[in-house]
Amino acid sequence: MTGFPRGVLRTERGRLTALYGSLLLLAGGGLVALVYVLVGQGLYASVSGAVSTVSPALRAGEKLDLDPGRSPEPARSLGPGEAPTPEQLRTYALTRNLSDAVTQAAQHRLLIVSLIALAVFAVLSIWLAWWMAGRVLRPVAVITGTARRLSGENLDERIALDAPPGELKELADTFDAMLGRMEHLVSAQRRFAANAAHELRTPLAVQRAAAEIGLAGDPSPERVARIRERLIGVAESSEHLIESLLLLAVSEEGLESTGRVDLAALAAAELAACPQEDLTVERTLAPLAVTGDRTLLGHLVRNLLTNAVRHNRAGGRLTLATSIEGELTVSNTGPVIGPADVPRLLEPFRRSAERQHTAGEGAGLGLSIVASIARAHGAELTARANPAPDGGLTIRLRFPVADARRQGSVQPE
């Protein structure tokens, strides 16, 4: 539509208005043309028939004088071979001229009224199209306004579009779900940064205190030896923390190279290298081959076993199992964990108990590294707290199986 300013047509509302208005005008114009053609085709016959009913009473130069109480009589048809009289010819000519005049006047009147109606219809259609386009696009405006207002400080804001089900309602709900995921990721990133700063600051503070206090004055050789051991232990702990952070970052980046990995054999090798102390080990390793990174999968199994041993109790139990259905399960006894606390243990720097800063204590990254490596391999991780009195945790990973064929018998302990 050429009547719209160019700036208006650059908006979706303007384009929809032009589209709706054009369609309505085309429909209205087509309707007027159709009515005009159909009425024009039968108008002359209708007028001629009506005039013919009174034609016998017409005379040249005479007025039509009918008795109001008497219905007009139709003209009489001539019989076969009967010639019309001069009076009948004059009456026919008068009827024809009158019919033509009435037909032209009716068509002209119909055309004028139709054009006026079309003009009014055009104004109403454009207004309705503009209003309808604005109403249809209102959710898009709400989404756009919300997106412009969003920042790292107000990710809790939602569109919460109140509209009937439809594509735009689904778009708004999808946007709200995306905001929820973004808020969760940003909050997790902030917690991770704060926890990482705290974890890295603690060993530095210990080292500084040991150097300033322990080595102040003229310390004895024995005291220097103790401080030396303390500093070495703190350095090893810091090195382990940094390596864990690097491993977590690598696993979050995804897999660079993959191959077929015998996960059952890998689990058996990691179990043999893991110190088991006085634990009762139950091992059921069915053949299991998966596609993935062997190094990362080794870290996954090692972290699971280390976590199961570190958080076990004296005389406790450790269970390691694989199945041909693609499942790897590690379960241990230990402190009773509340079911609501289990998801929290999969986050970085989260522990079931407060950190004591003792030798051999982990950094709280073991299970988060396991979860990250599992995601990189497309595995589904399920964590479940074991009920009292055994307590502890059961971690089950379900991998996409590369080859589920049996390659040997079950290896019992």
Protein backbone atom coordinates (compact mmCIF):
# COMPACT_ATOMS: atom_id res chain seq x y z
CA MET A 1 0.00 0.00 0.00
CA THR A 2 1.61 3.24 -1.17
CA GLY A 3 -0.29 5.35 1.39
CA PHE A 4 1.86 4.14 4.31
CA PRO A 5 4.98 6.11 5.22
CA ARG A 6 8.21 4.28 4.58
CA GLY A 7 9.14 4.42 8.27
CA VAL A 8 5.90 2.68 9.29
CA LEU A 9 6.49 -0.15 6.82
CA ARG A 10 9.83 -0.86 8.49
CA THR A 11 8.02 -2.19 11.55
CA GLU A 12 6.28 -5.54 11.82
CA ARG A 13 3.08 -3.80 12.90
CA GLY A 14 3.15 -1.55 9.83
CA ARG A 15 3.80 -4.47 7.49
CA LEU A 16 1.03 -6.53 9.06
CA THR A 17 -1.33 -3.55 8.82
CA ALA A 18 -0.48 -3.09 5.14
CA LEU A 19 -0.99 -6.79 4.51
CA TYR A 20 -4.27 -7.07 6.40
CA GLY A 21 -5.57 -3.78 4.96
CA SER A 22 -4.68 -4.78 1.40
CA LEU A 23 -6.37 -8.14 1.77
CA LEU A 24 -9.51 -6.57 3.23
CA LEU A 25 -9.62 -3.91 0.51
CA LEU A 26 -9.16 -6.54 -2.19
CA ALA A 27 -11.94 -8.58 -0.66
CA GLY A 28 -14.19 -5.51 -0.39
CA GLY A 29 -13.41 -4.37 -3.95
CA GLY A 30 -14.03 -7.87 -5.27
CA LEU A 31 -17.33 -8.01 -3.43
CA VAL A 32 -18.46 -4.64 -4.86
CA ALA A 33 -17.47 -5.68 -8.40
CA LEU A 34 -19.24 -9.01 -8.06
CA VAL A 35 -22.43 -7.41 -6.74
CA TYR A 36 -22.33 -4.75 -9.48
CA VAL A 37 -21.91 -7.36 -12.24
CA LEU A 38 -24.55 -9.72 -10.90
CA VAL A 39 -27.09 -6.97 -10.27
CA GLY A 40 -26.37 -5.34 -13.65
CA GLN A 41 -26.97 -8.61 -15.51
CA GLY A 42 -30.48 -9.14 -14.15
CA LEU A 43 -31.48 -5.53 -13.49
CA TYR A 44 -32.70 -4.76 -17.01
CA ALA A 45 -34.87 -7.88 -17.17
CA SER A 46 -36.38 -7.11 -13.76
CA VAL A 47 -37.11 -3.48 -14.65
CA SER A 48 -38.52 -4.44 -18.04
CA GLY A 49 -40.84 -6.98 -16.46
CA ALA A 50 -42.06 -4.48 -13.89
CA VAL A 51 -42.65 -1.76 -16.49
CA SER A 52 -44.35 -4.19 -18.84
CA THR A 53 -47.04 -4.87 -16.27
CA VAL A 54 -48.26 -1.32 -16.64
CA SER A 55 -47.36 -0.64 -20.27
CA PRO A 56 -50.97 -0.93 -21.61
CA ALA A 57 -51.91 2.08 -19.52
CA LEU A 58 -49.12 4.22 -20.91
CA ARG A 59 -49.73 6.67 -23.70
CA ALA A 60 -47.43 9.13 -25.30
CA GLY A 61 -47.51 12.32 -23.32
CA GLU A 62 -49.93 10.84 -20.76
CA LYS A 63 -49.40 10.35 -17.07
CA LEU A 64 -49.76 6.95 -15.54
CA ASP A 65 -53.18 6.91 -13.90
CA LEU A 66 -53.94 3.70 -12.08
CA ASP A 67 -56.73 2.91 -9.76
CA PRO A 68 -55.16 2.28 -6.34
CA GLY A 69 -57.62 -0.50 -5.73
CA ARG A 70 -56.84 -2.37 -8.94
CA SER A 71 -53.69 -4.29 -9.67
CA PRO A 72 -51.92 -3.54 -12.94
CA GLU A 73 -52.54 -6.01 -15.75
CA PRO A 74 -49.61 -7.38 -17.71
CA ALA A 75 -49.33 -6.64 -21.40
CA ARG A 76 -51.05 -9.14 -23.65
CA SER A 77 -48.86 -11.24 -25.90
CA LEU A 78 -49.58 -11.17 -29.60
CA GLY A 79 -50.85 -14.31 -31.15
CA PRO A 80 -49.16 -16.18 -34.02
CA GLY A 81 -49.24 -14.11 -37.21
CA GLU A 82 -50.83 -11.11 -35.44
CA ALA A 83 -49.15 -7.78 -36.28
CA PRO A 84 -48.75 -5.12 -33.58
CA THR A 85 -50.77 -2.01 -33.90
CA PRO A 86 -49.13 1.44 -34.01
CA GLU A 87 -50.31 2.03 -30.45
CA GLN A 88 -48.63 -1.17 -29.30
CA LEU A 89 -45.40 -0.18 -31.04
CA ARG A 90 -45.45 3.19 -29.28
CA THR A 91 -46.12 1.44 -25.99
CA TYR A 92 -43.21 -0.97 -26.57
CA ALA A 93 -40.84 1.87 -27.43
CA LEU A 94 -41.92 3.77 -24.34
CA THR A 95 -41.43 0.65 -22.20
CA ARG A 96 -37.95 0.04 -23.66
CA ASN A 97 -36.87 3.64 -23.12
CA LEU A 98 -38.23 3.64 -19.59
CA SER A 99 -36.50 0.36 -18.77
CA ASP A 100 -33.17 1.62 -20.07
CA ALA A 101 -33.48 4.85 -18.07
CA VAL A 102 -34.43 3.04 -14.87
CA THR A 103 -31.62 0.49 -15.34
CA GLN A 104 -28.96 3.16 -15.88
CA ALA A 105 -30.18 5.18 -12.91
CA ALA A 106 -30.22 2.11 -10.66
CA GLN A 107 -26.73 1.07 -11.77
CA HIS A 108 -25.36 4.57 -11.25
CA ARG A 109 -26.92 4.74 -7.82
CA LEU A 110 -25.57 1.29 -6.94
CA LEU A 111 -22.08 2.28 -8.08
CA ILE A 112 -22.07 5.50 -6.05
CA VAL A 113 -23.35 3.78 -2.91
CA SER A 114 -20.86 0.91 -3.36
CA LEU A 115 -17.88 3.29 -3.73
CA ILE A 116 -18.93 5.23 -0.62
CA ALA A 117 -19.32 1.94 1.29
CA LEU A 118 -15.91 0.79 0.01
CA ALA A 119 -14.26 4.01 1.21
CA VAL A 120 -15.80 3.63 4.66
CA PHE A 121 -14.86 -0.05 4.63
CA ALA A 122 -11.25 0.86 3.73
CA VAL A 123 -10.91 3.24 6.66
CA LEU A 124 -12.41 0.72 9.07
CA SER A 125 -10.34 -2.15 7.67
CA ILE A 126 -7.06 -0.23 8.01
CA TRP A 127 -7.92 0.79 11.57
CA LEU A 128 -8.94 -2.77 12.47
CA ALA A 129 -5.79 -4.14 10.82
CA TRP A 130 -3.61 -1.72 12.81
CA TRP A 131 -5.39 -2.61 16.06
CA MET A 132 -5.25 -6.35 15.34
CA ALA A 133 -1.57 -6.23 14.40
CA GLY A 134 -0.79 -4.38 17.63
CA ARG A 135 -2.74 -6.89 19.68
CA VAL A 136 -1.08 -9.86 17.97
CA LEU A 137 2.40 -8.38 18.37
CA ARG A 138 1.91 -7.21 21.96
CA PRO A 139 3.65 -10.31 23.39
CA VAL A 140 6.62 -9.64 21.11
CA ALA A 141 6.82 -6.08 22.46
CA VAL A 142 6.67 -7.44 26.02
CA ILE A 143 9.45 -9.93 25.27
CA THR A 144 11.56 -7.21 23.64
CA GLY A 145 11.07 -4.84 26.57
CA THR A 146 11.98 -7.53 29.07
CA ALA A 147 15.09 -8.51 27.12
CA ARG A 148 16.23 -4.86 27.04
CA ARG A 149 15.80 -4.50 30.81
CA LEU A 150 17.68 -7.68 31.66
CA SER A 151 21.12 -7.59 33.16
CA GLY A 152 23.13 -9.66 35.58
CA GLU A 153 21.29 -8.03 38.47
CA ASN A 154 17.68 -8.77 37.51
CA LEU A 155 17.73 -12.21 35.89
CA ASP A 156 14.92 -13.17 38.26
CA GLU A 157 12.49 -11.09 36.18
CA ARG A 158 10.05 -13.07 34.03
CA ILE A 159 7.62 -12.22 31.24
CA ALA A 160 4.79 -14.34 32.70
CA LEU A 161 2.66 -13.64 29.62
CA ASP A 162 -1.06 -13.86 30.35
CA ALA A 163 -2.39 -15.01 26.99
CA PRO A 164 -4.28 -17.96 25.52
CA PRO A 165 -2.21 -20.91 24.29
CA GLY A 166 -0.47 -20.28 21.00
CA GLU A 167 2.86 -19.74 19.30
CA LEU A 168 3.58 -16.43 21.04
CA LYS A 169 2.58 -17.83 24.44
CA GLU A 170 4.93 -20.74 23.83
CA LEU A 171 7.68 -18.29 22.81
CA ALA A 172 7.22 -16.28 26.02
CA ASP A 173 7.25 -19.42 28.18
CA THR A 174 10.38 -20.64 26.39
CA PHE A 175 12.02 -17.26 27.04
CA ASP A 176 11.09 -17.52 30.73
CA ALA A 177 12.60 -21.01 30.89
CA MET A 178 15.77 -19.72 29.24
CA LEU A 179 15.95 -16.90 31.81
CA GLY A 180 15.64 -19.49 34.57
CA ARG A 181 18.54 -21.47 33.15
CA MET A 182 20.61 -18.32 32.73
CA GLU A 183 19.89 -17.26 36.31
CA HIS A 184 20.92 -20.69 37.55
CA LEU A 185 24.15 -20.64 35.51
CA VAL A 186 25.06 -17.10 36.56
CA SER A 187 24.38 -17.92 40.22
CA ALA A 188 26.45 -21.09 39.94
CA GLN A 189 29.27 -19.14 38.29
CA ARG A 190 29.23 -16.56 41.06
CA ARG A 191 29.26 -19.24 43.74
CA PHE A 192 32.07 -21.03 41.94
CA ALA A 193 34.16 -17.85 41.70
CA ALA A 194 33.59 -17.03 45.37
CA ASN A 195 34.33 -20.58 46.51
CA ALA A 196 37.40 -20.85 44.30
CA ALA A 197 38.74 -17.55 45.67
CA HIS A 198 38.13 -18.79 49.21
CA GLU A 199 39.75 -22.17 48.55
CA LEU A 200 42.81 -20.56 46.97
CA ARG A 201 43.11 -17.86 49.61
CA THR A 202 43.07 -20.32 52.52
CA PRO A 203 46.36 -22.12 51.71
CA LEU A 204 48.04 -18.80 51.02
CA ALA A 205 46.94 -17.56 54.42
CA VAL A 206 48.26 -20.76 56.04
CA GLN A 207 51.59 -20.42 54.27
CA ARG A 208 51.93 -16.80 55.30
CA ALA A 209 51.03 -17.54 58.91
CA ALA A 210 53.52 -20.41 59.02
CA ALA A 211 56.26 -18.24 57.59
CA GLU A 212 55.55 -15.17 59.75
CA ILE A 213 54.79 -16.93 63.03
CA GLY A 214 56.47 -20.31 62.79
CA LEU A 215 59.75 -18.95 61.47
CA ALA A 216 59.79 -15.76 63.53
CA GLY A 217 62.84 -15.12 65.65
CA ASP A 218 65.46 -17.86 65.77
CA PRO A 219 63.49 -21.12 65.36
CA SER A 220 65.04 -24.43 66.26
CA PRO A 221 65.86 -27.00 63.57
CA GLU A 222 62.97 -29.17 64.74
CA ARG A 223 60.56 -26.25 64.41
CA VAL A 224 61.89 -25.44 60.97
CA ALA A 225 61.36 -29.07 59.95
CA ARG A 226 57.76 -28.97 61.14
CA ILE A 227 57.09 -25.71 59.33
CA ARG A 228 58.73 -27.14 56.23
CA GLU A 229 56.44 -30.19 56.30
CA ARG A 230 53.46 -27.93 56.85
CA LEU A 231 54.35 -25.70 53.92
CA ILE A 232 54.95 -28.72 51.67
CA GLY A 233 51.58 -30.14 52.65
CA VAL A 234 49.83 -26.84 51.91
CA ALA A 235 51.64 -26.58 48.57
CA GLU A 236 50.57 -30.10 47.62
CA SER A 237 46.99 -29.30 48.57
CA SER A 238 47.09 -26.14 46.44
CA GLU A 239 48.59 -28.07 43.55
CA HIS A 240 45.84 -30.69 43.81
CA LEU A 241 43.21 -27.93 43.86
CA ILE A 242 44.63 -26.26 40.77
CA GLU A 243 44.85 -29.59 38.92
CA SER A 244 41.23 -30.31 39.83
CA LEU A 245 40.13 -26.90 38.56
CA LEU A 246 41.99 -27.48 35.30
CA LEU A 247 40.42 -30.91 34.94
CA LEU A 248 36.97 -29.43 35.56
CA ALA A 249 37.60 -26.79 32.90
CA VAL A 250 38.80 -29.41 30.41
CA SER A 251 35.77 -31.63 30.99
CA GLU A 252 33.42 -28.66 30.54
CA GLU A 253 34.92 -27.95 27.11
CA GLY A 254 33.77 -31.33 25.79
CA LEU A 255 35.62 -34.18 24.13
CA GLU A 256 38.41 -33.46 21.66
CA SER A 257 39.06 -37.11 20.76
CA THR A 258 37.05 -40.23 21.42
CA GLY A 259 37.55 -43.95 21.07
CA ARG A 260 36.24 -47.23 22.28
CA VAL A 261 36.97 -47.66 26.00
CA ASP A 262 36.59 -50.87 28.01
CA LEU A 263 35.04 -49.27 31.06
CA ALA A 264 34.89 -52.52 33.03
CA ALA A 265 38.65 -53.08 32.68
CA LEU A 266 39.32 -49.42 33.42
CA ALA A 267 37.22 -49.61 36.60
CA ALA A 268 39.07 -52.76 37.71
CA ALA A 269 42.45 -51.06 37.21
CA GLU A 270 41.41 -47.95 39.13
CA LEU A 271 39.99 -50.07 41.95
CA ALA A 272 43.27 -51.96 42.26
CA ALA A 273 45.21 -48.68 42.51
CA CYS A 274 42.84 -47.15 45.06
CA PRO A 275 43.77 -47.64 48.76
CA GLN A 276 40.94 -49.61 50.33
CA GLU A 277 42.25 -49.81 53.92
CA ASP A 278 39.86 -51.94 56.03
CA LEU A 279 36.84 -51.64 53.72
CA THR A 280 34.86 -54.57 52.38
CA VAL A 281 34.91 -54.33 48.59
CA GLU A 282 32.12 -55.86 46.50
CA ARG A 283 32.96 -55.94 42.81
CA THR A 284 30.69 -57.04 39.97
CA LEU A 285 32.16 -56.06 36.64
CA ALA A 286 30.18 -57.14 33.60
CA PRO A 287 31.61 -56.33 30.15
CA LEU A 288 30.95 -52.70 29.31
CA ALA A 289 32.39 -50.73 26.38
CA VAL A 290 31.65 -47.05 25.82
CA THR A 291 32.77 -44.37 23.41
CA GLY A 292 34.72 -41.54 25.00
CA ASP A 293 38.01 -40.13 26.24
CA ARG A 294 39.94 -42.77 28.18
CA THR A 295 41.83 -40.20 30.29
CA LEU A 296 38.70 -38.37 31.38
CA LEU A 297 36.87 -41.63 32.07
CA GLY A 298 39.82 -42.70 34.21
CA HIS A 299 39.49 -39.49 36.24
CA LEU A 300 35.76 -40.12 36.55
CA VAL A 301 36.19 -43.62 38.01
CA ARG A 302 39.12 -42.50 40.19
CA ASN A 303 37.16 -39.61 41.68
CA LEU A 304 34.17 -41.85 42.39
CA LEU A 305 36.34 -44.42 44.16
CA THR A 306 38.34 -41.78 46.05
CA ASN A 307 35.13 -40.13 47.22
CA ALA A 308 33.69 -43.51 48.27
CA VAL A 309 36.82 -44.33 50.31
CA ARG A 310 37.36 -40.88 51.81
CA HIS A 311 33.78 -40.50 53.05
CA ASN A 312 33.39 -44.10 54.23
CA ARG A 313 33.58 -45.34 57.81
CA ALA A 314 35.83 -47.87 59.49
CA GLY A 315 34.80 -51.39 58.54
CA GLY A 316 32.45 -50.00 55.89
CA ARG A 317 31.59 -51.29 52.45
CA LEU A 318 32.43 -50.16 48.92
CA THR A 319 30.55 -51.52 45.93
CA LEU A 320 31.70 -51.22 42.30
CA ALA A 321 29.59 -52.64 39.48
CA THR A 322 29.21 -52.39 35.70
CA SER A 323 26.49 -53.86 33.51
CA ILE A 324 26.11 -54.63 29.84
CA GLU A 325 23.17 -52.18 29.79
CA GLY A 326 25.68 -49.32 30.09
CA GLU A 327 25.58 -48.66 33.84
CA LEU A 328 28.49 -47.91 36.17
CA THR A 329 27.58 -47.93 39.87
CA VAL A 330 29.70 -46.92 42.86
CA SER A 331 28.17 -47.16 46.34
CA ASN A 332 29.65 -46.67 49.79
CA THR A 333 28.61 -46.63 53.40
CA GLY A 334 29.26 -43.61 55.58
CA PRO A 335 27.47 -40.70 57.25
CA VAL A 336 23.73 -40.47 56.68
CA ILE A 337 23.02 -37.80 54.07
CA GLY A 338 19.70 -36.03 53.72
CA PRO A 339 18.06 -36.60 50.28
CA ALA A 340 17.71 -32.83 49.84
CA ASP A 341 21.48 -32.39 50.25
CA VAL A 342 22.44 -34.83 47.49
CA PRO A 343 22.09 -32.41 44.50
CA ARG A 344 24.22 -29.87 46.37
CA LEU A 345 27.10 -32.35 46.60
CA LEU A 346 27.40 -32.35 42.80
CA GLU A 347 28.26 -28.63 42.79
CA PRO A 348 31.87 -27.40 43.00
CA PHE A 349 33.37 -26.92 46.48
CA ARG A 350 30.39 -28.51 48.19
CA ARG A 351 30.98 -31.06 50.95
CA SER A 352 28.78 -33.08 53.25
CA ALA A 353 30.67 -31.56 56.22
CA GLU A 354 32.60 -28.38 56.87
CA ARG A 355 36.21 -28.38 55.71
CA GLN A 356 38.77 -29.10 58.47
CA HIS A 357 41.91 -28.27 56.42
CA THR A 358 43.50 -31.60 57.38
CA ALA A 359 45.87 -33.76 55.39
CA GLY A 360 44.20 -35.79 52.67
CA GLU A 361 41.05 -33.67 52.69
CA GLY A 362 39.62 -33.06 49.24
CA ALA A 363 38.83 -29.73 47.65
CA GLY A 364 35.16 -30.49 47.16
CA LEU A 365 35.50 -30.86 43.38
CA GLY A 366 35.42 -34.65 43.02
CA LEU A 367 31.71 -35.18 42.33
CA SER A 368 31.40 -31.96 40.30
CA ILE A 369 34.20 -33.26 38.05
CA VAL A 370 32.37 -36.58 37.77
CA ALA A 371 29.16 -34.75 36.76
CA SER A 372 31.04 -32.65 34.20
CA ILE A 373 32.77 -35.65 32.60
CA ALA A 374 29.47 -37.54 32.55
CA ARG A 375 27.79 -34.65 30.68
CA ALA A 376 30.66 -34.54 28.19
CA HIS A 377 30.10 -38.25 27.45
CA GLY A 378 26.30 -37.97 27.25
CA ALA A 379 25.88 -40.11 30.36
CA GLU A 380 22.96 -39.78 32.75
CA LEU A 381 24.07 -39.37 36.37
CA THR A 382 21.86 -40.36 39.28
CA ALA A 383 22.89 -39.76 42.91
CA ARG A 384 20.97 -41.32 45.80
CA ALA A 385 21.54 -41.15 49.55
CA ASN A 386 21.62 -44.57 51.20
CA PRO A 387 19.22 -44.97 54.12
CA ALA A 388 20.32 -45.49 57.73
CA PRO A 389 22.03 -47.31 59.32
CA ASP A 390 24.50 -47.84 56.44
CA GLY A 391 24.35 -44.27 55.15
CA GLY A 392 26.66 -43.08 52.44
CA LEU A 393 25.95 -42.42 48.78
CA THR A 394 25.19 -44.36 45.60
CA ILE A 395 26.25 -42.87 42.25
CA ARG A 396 24.91 -44.51 39.09
CA LEU A 397 26.01 -43.50 35.60
CA ARG A 398 24.23 -44.73 32.48
CA PHE A 399 26.36 -44.41 29.33
CA PRO A 400 25.37 -44.76 25.69
CA VAL A 401 26.74 -48.25 25.05
CA ALA A 402 29.27 -48.63 22.22
CA ASP A 403 29.14 -52.43 22.15
CA ALA A 404 26.77 -54.33 24.41
CA ARG A 405 27.94 -57.76 23.32
CA ARG A 406 29.32 -59.96 26.01
CA GLN A 407 33.09 -60.23 25.90
CA GLY A 408 33.55 -62.43 28.89
CA SER A 409 31.90 -63.60 32.01
CA VAL A 410 31.17 -61.59 35.13
CA GLN A 411 34.23 -61.14 37.31
CA PRO A 412 33.15 -61.68 40.94
CA GLU A 413 35.36 -60.68 43.81
